[in-house]
Amino acid sequence: MAEDKRTESMQDRIVKQRTITAAFLSEHCLPFSIAGDILDLAKRLAQDKNALEKTTRSPTSAMYITTQIKVLWVYI
């Protein structure tokens, strides 16, 4: 059972976040050099928690967004 965040120290919570990030990178064979970028992305996405909870993705939508990135980036 996970320890209650109110009793878990901030240092322990930070270590847990770093571990989760490292495990994700390893699991997906991504270079550890992008860890900072992944963290920045997570922080940016977390700024709008309500939208993040409702966000879904599919390979098709990811491909469309990637091919249209020059157009979309103007609006972000």
Foldseek 3Di string as FASTA:
>chain_A
DDDDPVPDDPVNVVVVVVVVLVVVCVVVVHDPVCSVVVVVVVVVLVVCVVVNVVDDDDPVVVVVCVVCVVVCVVVD
